N, C-alpha and C. Protein backbone atom coordinates (compact mmCIF):
# COMPACT_ATOMS: atom_id res chain seq x y z
N MET A 1 20.36 24.80 -34.48
CA MET A 1 19.43 23.67 -34.34
C MET A 1 19.95 22.79 -33.52
N ALA A 2 21.27 21.76 -33.84
CA ALA A 2 21.50 20.85 -32.81
C ALA A 2 21.03 21.15 -31.83
N ASP A 3 21.89 22.25 -31.10
CA ASP A 3 21.57 22.44 -29.58
C ASP A 3 20.12 22.26 -29.33
N ALA A 4 19.02 23.11 -30.10
CA ALA A 4 17.77 22.99 -29.74
C ALA A 4 17.52 21.69 -29.26
N VAL A 5 17.35 20.38 -30.62
CA VAL A 5 17.06 19.57 -30.51
C VAL A 5 17.81 18.66 -28.82
N LEU A 6 19.34 18.67 -28.96
CA LEU A 6 19.42 18.22 -27.99
C LEU A 6 18.95 18.77 -26.43
N ILE A 7 18.73 20.00 -26.18
CA ILE A 7 18.23 20.83 -25.27
C ILE A 7 16.72 20.06 -24.66
N ALA A 8 15.68 19.57 -26.00
CA ALA A 8 14.42 19.14 -25.99
C ALA A 8 14.66 17.70 -25.24
N LEU A 9 15.68 17.17 -26.35
CA LEU A 9 15.83 15.65 -25.79
C LEU A 9 16.54 15.36 -24.02
N LEU A 10 17.10 16.47 -23.52
CA LEU A 10 17.49 16.20 -22.13
C LEU A 10 16.37 16.44 -21.46
N ALA A 11 15.17 17.81 -21.89
CA ALA A 11 14.38 17.91 -21.33
C ALA A 11 13.37 16.84 -21.01
N MET A 12 13.10 16.08 -22.49
CA MET A 12 12.16 14.65 -22.27
C MET A 12 12.77 14.10 -21.50
N ILE A 13 14.29 13.64 -21.28
CA ILE A 13 14.87 12.55 -20.73
C ILE A 13 14.31 12.53 -19.34
N GLY A 14 14.68 14.38 -19.00
CA GLY A 14 14.16 14.65 -17.33
C GLY A 14 13.13 14.06 -16.78
N VAL A 15 11.93 14.79 -17.50
CA VAL A 15 10.58 15.06 -17.22
C VAL A 15 10.32 13.11 -16.94
N LEU A 16 10.59 12.27 -18.08
CA LEU A 16 10.56 11.09 -17.93
C LEU A 16 11.06 10.36 -16.95
N GLY A 17 12.24 10.83 -16.40
CA GLY A 17 12.89 10.25 -15.21
C GLY A 17 12.09 10.38 -14.33
N SER A 18 12.05 12.11 -13.91
CA SER A 18 11.10 12.13 -12.72
C SER A 18 9.80 11.37 -12.68
N ALA A 19 9.10 11.26 -13.92
CA ALA A 19 7.96 10.52 -13.37
C ALA A 19 7.85 9.06 -13.28
N PHE A 20 9.25 8.20 -13.41
CA PHE A 20 9.28 7.56 -13.15
C PHE A 20 9.79 7.05 -12.15
N VAL A 21 10.52 7.79 -11.26
CA VAL A 21 10.88 8.34 -9.95
C VAL A 21 9.64 8.39 -9.15
N ALA A 22 8.92 9.40 -9.22
CA ALA A 22 7.52 9.81 -9.16
C ALA A 22 6.75 8.43 -9.05
N GLY A 23 6.35 7.50 -10.04
CA GLY A 23 6.16 6.54 -10.35
C GLY A 23 6.05 5.40 -8.80
N GLY A 24 7.26 5.60 -9.12
CA GLY A 24 8.22 4.05 -8.08
C GLY A 24 7.86 4.87 -6.79
N ILE A 25 8.04 5.90 -6.30
CA ILE A 25 7.66 6.36 -4.96
C ILE A 25 6.16 6.16 -4.50
N THR A 26 5.50 6.36 -5.50
CA THR A 26 4.23 5.71 -5.00
C THR A 26 3.77 4.58 -5.20
N LEU A 27 4.63 3.34 -5.88
CA LEU A 27 4.13 2.44 -6.25
C LEU A 27 4.33 1.81 -4.84
N VAL A 28 5.43 2.14 -4.15
CA VAL A 28 6.72 1.65 -2.88
C VAL A 28 5.55 1.81 -1.62
N LEU A 29 5.27 2.99 -1.62
CA LEU A 29 4.11 3.36 -0.38
C LEU A 29 2.77 2.67 -0.67
N SER A 30 2.52 2.39 -1.63
CA SER A 30 0.78 1.92 -1.93
C SER A 30 1.01 0.47 -1.51
N LEU A 31 2.45 -0.21 -1.94
CA LEU A 31 2.65 -1.67 -1.52
C LEU A 31 3.05 -2.32 -0.24
N ALA A 32 3.38 -0.84 0.70
CA ALA A 32 3.29 -0.98 2.19
C ALA A 32 2.24 -0.90 2.91
N LYS A 33 1.53 0.07 2.44
CA LYS A 33 0.39 0.19 3.12
C LYS A 33 -0.53 -1.14 2.80
N ASN A 34 -0.69 -1.60 1.31
CA ASN A 34 -1.42 -2.54 1.36
C ASN A 34 -0.82 -3.93 1.95
N ARG A 35 0.39 -3.90 1.97
CA ARG A 35 0.74 -5.06 2.97
C ARG A 35 0.45 -5.03 4.42
N GLN A 36 0.69 -3.67 4.91
CA GLN A 36 0.30 -3.48 6.46
C GLN A 36 -1.27 -3.99 6.25
N GLN A 37 -2.52 -3.78 5.82
CA GLN A 37 -3.66 -3.87 5.88
C GLN A 37 -4.24 -5.41 5.34
N ASN A 38 -3.48 -6.24 4.66
CA ASN A 38 -3.42 -7.90 4.69
C ASN A 38 -2.58 -8.27 5.65
N HIS A 39 -1.97 -7.76 6.42
CA HIS A 39 -1.16 -8.12 7.79
C HIS A 39 -2.51 -8.16 8.84
N LEU A 40 -3.22 -6.55 9.01
CA LEU A 40 -4.32 -6.69 10.09
C LEU A 40 -5.41 -7.89 9.68
N LEU A 41 -5.67 -7.73 8.16
CA LEU A 41 -6.78 -8.46 7.84
C LEU A 41 -6.39 -10.12 8.64
N TYR A 42 -5.20 -10.94 8.44
CA TYR A 42 -4.66 -12.11 8.57
C TYR A 42 -4.84 -12.02 10.14
N LEU A 43 -4.52 -10.82 10.92
CA LEU A 43 -4.42 -10.97 12.16
C LEU A 43 -6.05 -11.28 12.74
N TRP A 44 -6.88 -10.77 12.27
CA TRP A 44 -8.07 -10.70 12.70
C TRP A 44 -9.18 -11.97 12.33
N ASN A 45 -8.62 -12.36 11.02
CA ASN A 45 -9.33 -13.67 10.50
C ASN A 45 -8.65 -14.98 11.57
N ARG A 46 -7.84 -14.52 11.64
CA ARG A 46 -7.18 -15.47 12.96
C ARG A 46 -7.93 -15.79 14.13
N GLN A 47 -7.86 -14.20 15.01
CA GLN A 47 -8.87 -14.11 15.84
C GLN A 47 -9.93 -14.88 15.61
N LEU A 48 -11.00 -14.76 14.49
CA LEU A 48 -12.46 -14.84 14.14
C LEU A 48 -12.38 -16.29 14.19
N VAL A 49 -11.22 -17.22 13.66
CA VAL A 49 -11.13 -18.42 13.20
C VAL A 49 -11.14 -19.42 15.03
N ASP A 50 -10.12 -18.63 15.73
CA ASP A 50 -9.99 -19.32 17.00
C ASP A 50 -11.35 -19.15 17.65
N HIS A 51 -11.44 -18.07 17.72
CA HIS A 51 -13.03 -17.86 18.38
C HIS A 51 -13.96 -18.70 18.18
N ILE A 52 -14.18 -18.91 16.53
CA ILE A 52 -15.09 -20.17 16.37
C ILE A 52 -14.97 -21.47 17.08
N TYR A 53 -13.49 -21.58 16.46
CA TYR A 53 -13.26 -23.07 16.65
C TYR A 53 -13.28 -23.48 17.97
N ARG A 54 -13.55 -22.23 19.08
CA ARG A 54 -12.96 -22.69 20.46
C ARG A 54 -14.72 -22.74 20.85
N GLY A 55 -15.31 -22.45 20.32
CA GLY A 55 -16.41 -22.18 21.09
C GLY A 55 -17.00 -21.26 21.83
N TYR A 56 -16.38 -20.10 21.81
CA TYR A 56 -16.49 -18.97 22.38
C TYR A 56 -18.19 -18.20 22.07
N PRO A 57 -18.67 -17.92 23.30
CA PRO A 57 -20.02 -17.22 22.87
C PRO A 57 -19.22 -15.74 22.29
N PRO A 58 -20.63 -15.09 21.77
CA PRO A 58 -20.75 -14.01 21.26
C PRO A 58 -20.39 -12.95 22.32
N PRO A 59 -19.69 -11.96 21.92
CA PRO A 59 -19.57 -11.28 20.55
C PRO A 59 -18.10 -11.53 19.95
N PRO A 60 -17.82 -11.41 18.76
CA PRO A 60 -16.85 -11.88 18.44
C PRO A 60 -15.60 -11.12 18.48
N PRO A 61 -14.39 -11.15 18.52
CA PRO A 61 -13.46 -10.17 18.87
C PRO A 61 -13.59 -8.52 17.52
N GLU A 62 -12.97 -7.48 17.78
CA GLU A 62 -13.02 -6.67 17.19
C GLU A 62 -11.83 -6.30 16.49
N PRO A 63 -11.98 -5.87 15.53
CA PRO A 63 -11.26 -5.51 14.65
C PRO A 63 -9.67 -4.70 15.03
N PRO A 64 -8.78 -5.19 14.77
CA PRO A 64 -7.48 -4.68 15.11
C PRO A 64 -7.65 -2.73 14.99
N GLU A 65 -6.81 -2.10 15.27
CA GLU A 65 -6.80 -0.74 15.70
C GLU A 65 -6.12 -0.52 13.87
N GLY A 66 -6.65 0.08 13.47
CA GLY A 66 -6.33 0.79 11.73
C GLY A 66 -6.76 0.09 10.35
N LEU A 67 -7.82 -1.38 10.85
CA LEU A 67 -8.35 -2.07 10.15
C LEU A 67 -9.90 -0.98 9.53
N PHE A 68 -10.25 -1.07 8.53
CA PHE A 68 -11.10 -0.40 8.28
C PHE A 68 -10.90 1.04 8.52
N GLY A 69 -10.33 1.68 8.32
CA GLY A 69 -10.25 3.56 8.96
C GLY A 69 -10.35 3.92 10.62
N ASN A 70 -10.74 3.06 11.11
CA ASN A 70 -11.09 2.42 12.64
C ASN A 70 -9.82 3.15 13.54
N PRO A 71 -9.32 3.89 14.19
CA PRO A 71 -8.02 4.91 14.67
C PRO A 71 -7.61 3.95 15.64
């Protein structure tokens, strides 16, 4: 009986551990993607502000590669 309980506890710890590891990996990848997206948005915003401030005529600058899903 004690062996079955021990095996069940070890299995539960293994499942929870692997779930935490998988969740951590997913979180790290999501944060990296969001950081890259924010950086591209900042660059484009900076270009738009400079374009308007310097009084350049239309059209405004195009968004950087990879922003809004364009290749």
